[in-house]
Amino acid sequence: MTETYDLDRDGDIDMSEEHARHLGHAHALRESVDGLVGENPARPR
């Protein structure tokens, strides 16, 4: 039981890390497209 739990937990951690990596790439792409930097950038009026 412990080995299965460890494998499931390791898989979940790997998936979380991969998801975060892709979100970082999408964020960098958005910044390069619209020129605004940061999590909640103020939009020019």
C-alpha atoms as a PDB file:
ATOM      1  CA  MET A   1       0.000   0.000   0.000  1.00  0.00           C
ATOM      2  CA  THR A   2       2.777   2.432   0.858  1.00  0.00           C
ATOM      3  CA  GLU A   3       4.592   1.858  -2.461  1.00  0.00           C
ATOM      4  CA  THR A   4       1.415   2.546  -4.453  1.00  0.00           C
ATOM      5  CA  TYR A   5       0.757   5.707  -2.468  1.00  0.00           C
ATOM      6  CA  ASP A   6       4.317   6.935  -3.062  1.00  0.00           C
ATOM      7  CA  LEU A   7       4.019   6.303  -6.809  1.00  0.00           C
ATOM      8  CA  ASP A   8       0.670   8.126  -6.973  1.00  0.00           C
ATOM      9  CA  ARG A   9       2.030  11.042  -4.974  1.00  0.00           C
ATOM     10  CA  ASP A  10       5.163  11.247  -7.146  1.00  0.00           C
ATOM     11  CA  GLY A  11       2.985  11.232 -10.261  1.00  0.00           C
ATOM     12  CA  ASP A  12       0.829  14.022  -8.849  1.00  0.00           C
ATOM     13  CA  ILE A  13       3.906  16.095  -8.032  1.00  0.00           C
ATOM     14  CA  ASP A  14       5.297  15.550 -11.535  1.00  0.00           C
ATOM     15  CA  MET A  15       1.977  16.593 -13.087  1.00  0.00           C
ATOM     16  CA  SER A  16       1.825  19.722 -10.906  1.00  0.00           C
ATOM     17  CA  GLU A  17       5.367  20.706 -11.882  1.00  0.00           C
ATOM     18  CA  GLU A  18       4.638  20.170 -15.575  1.00  0.00           C
ATOM     19  CA  HIS A  19       1.413  22.192 -15.338  1.00  0.00           C
ATOM     20  CA  ALA A  20       3.263  25.073 -13.655  1.00  0.00           C
ATOM     21  CA  ARG A  21       5.960  24.968 -16.338  1.00  0.00           C
ATOM     22  CA  HIS A  22       3.366  25.285 -19.109  1.00  0.00           C
ATOM     23  CA  LEU A  23       1.620  28.147 -17.301  1.00  0.00           C
ATOM     24  CA  GLY A  24       4.959  29.937 -17.111  1.00  0.00           C
ATOM     25  CA  HIS A  25       5.441  29.511 -20.848  1.00  0.00           C
ATOM     26  CA  ALA A  26       1.944  30.833 -21.563  1.00  0.00           C
ATOM     27  CA  HIS A  27       2.585  33.820 -19.291  1.00  0.00           C
ATOM     28  CA  ALA A  28       5.843  34.647 -21.090  1.00  0.00           C
ATOM     29  CA  LEU A  29       4.090  34.341 -24.454  1.00  0.00           C
ATOM     30  CA  ARG A  30       1.303  36.681 -23.323  1.00  0.00           C
ATOM     31  CA  GLU A  31       3.862  39.233 -22.143  1.00  0.00           C
ATOM     32  CA  SER A  32       5.681  39.109 -25.467  1.00  0.00           C
ATOM     33  CA  VAL A  33       2.437  39.565 -27.422  1.00  0.00           C
ATOM     34  CA  ASP A  34       0.822  42.424 -25.506  1.00  0.00           C
ATOM     35  CA  GLY A  35       3.966  44.003 -24.058  1.00  0.00           C
ATOM     36  CA  LEU A  36       2.501  44.149 -20.551  1.00  0.00           C
ATOM     37  CA  VAL A  37       4.542  42.623 -17.728  1.00  0.00           C
ATOM     38  CA  GLY A  38       3.413  41.112 -14.421  1.00  0.00           C
ATOM     39  CA  GLU A  39       0.518  39.067 -13.113  1.00  0.00           C
ATOM     40  CA  ASN A  40      -2.103  41.830 -13.256  1.00  0.00           C
ATOM     41  CA  PRO A  41      -0.650  44.512 -15.512  1.00  0.00           C
ATOM     42  CA  ALA A  42      -2.469  47.817 -15.813  1.00  0.00           C
ATOM     43  CA  ARG A  43      -3.813  48.237 -19.313  1.00  0.00           C
ATOM     44  CA  PRO A  44      -2.987  51.554 -20.969  1.00  0.00           C
ATOM     45  CA  ARG A  45      -6.028  53.731 -21.659  1.00  0.00           C
END
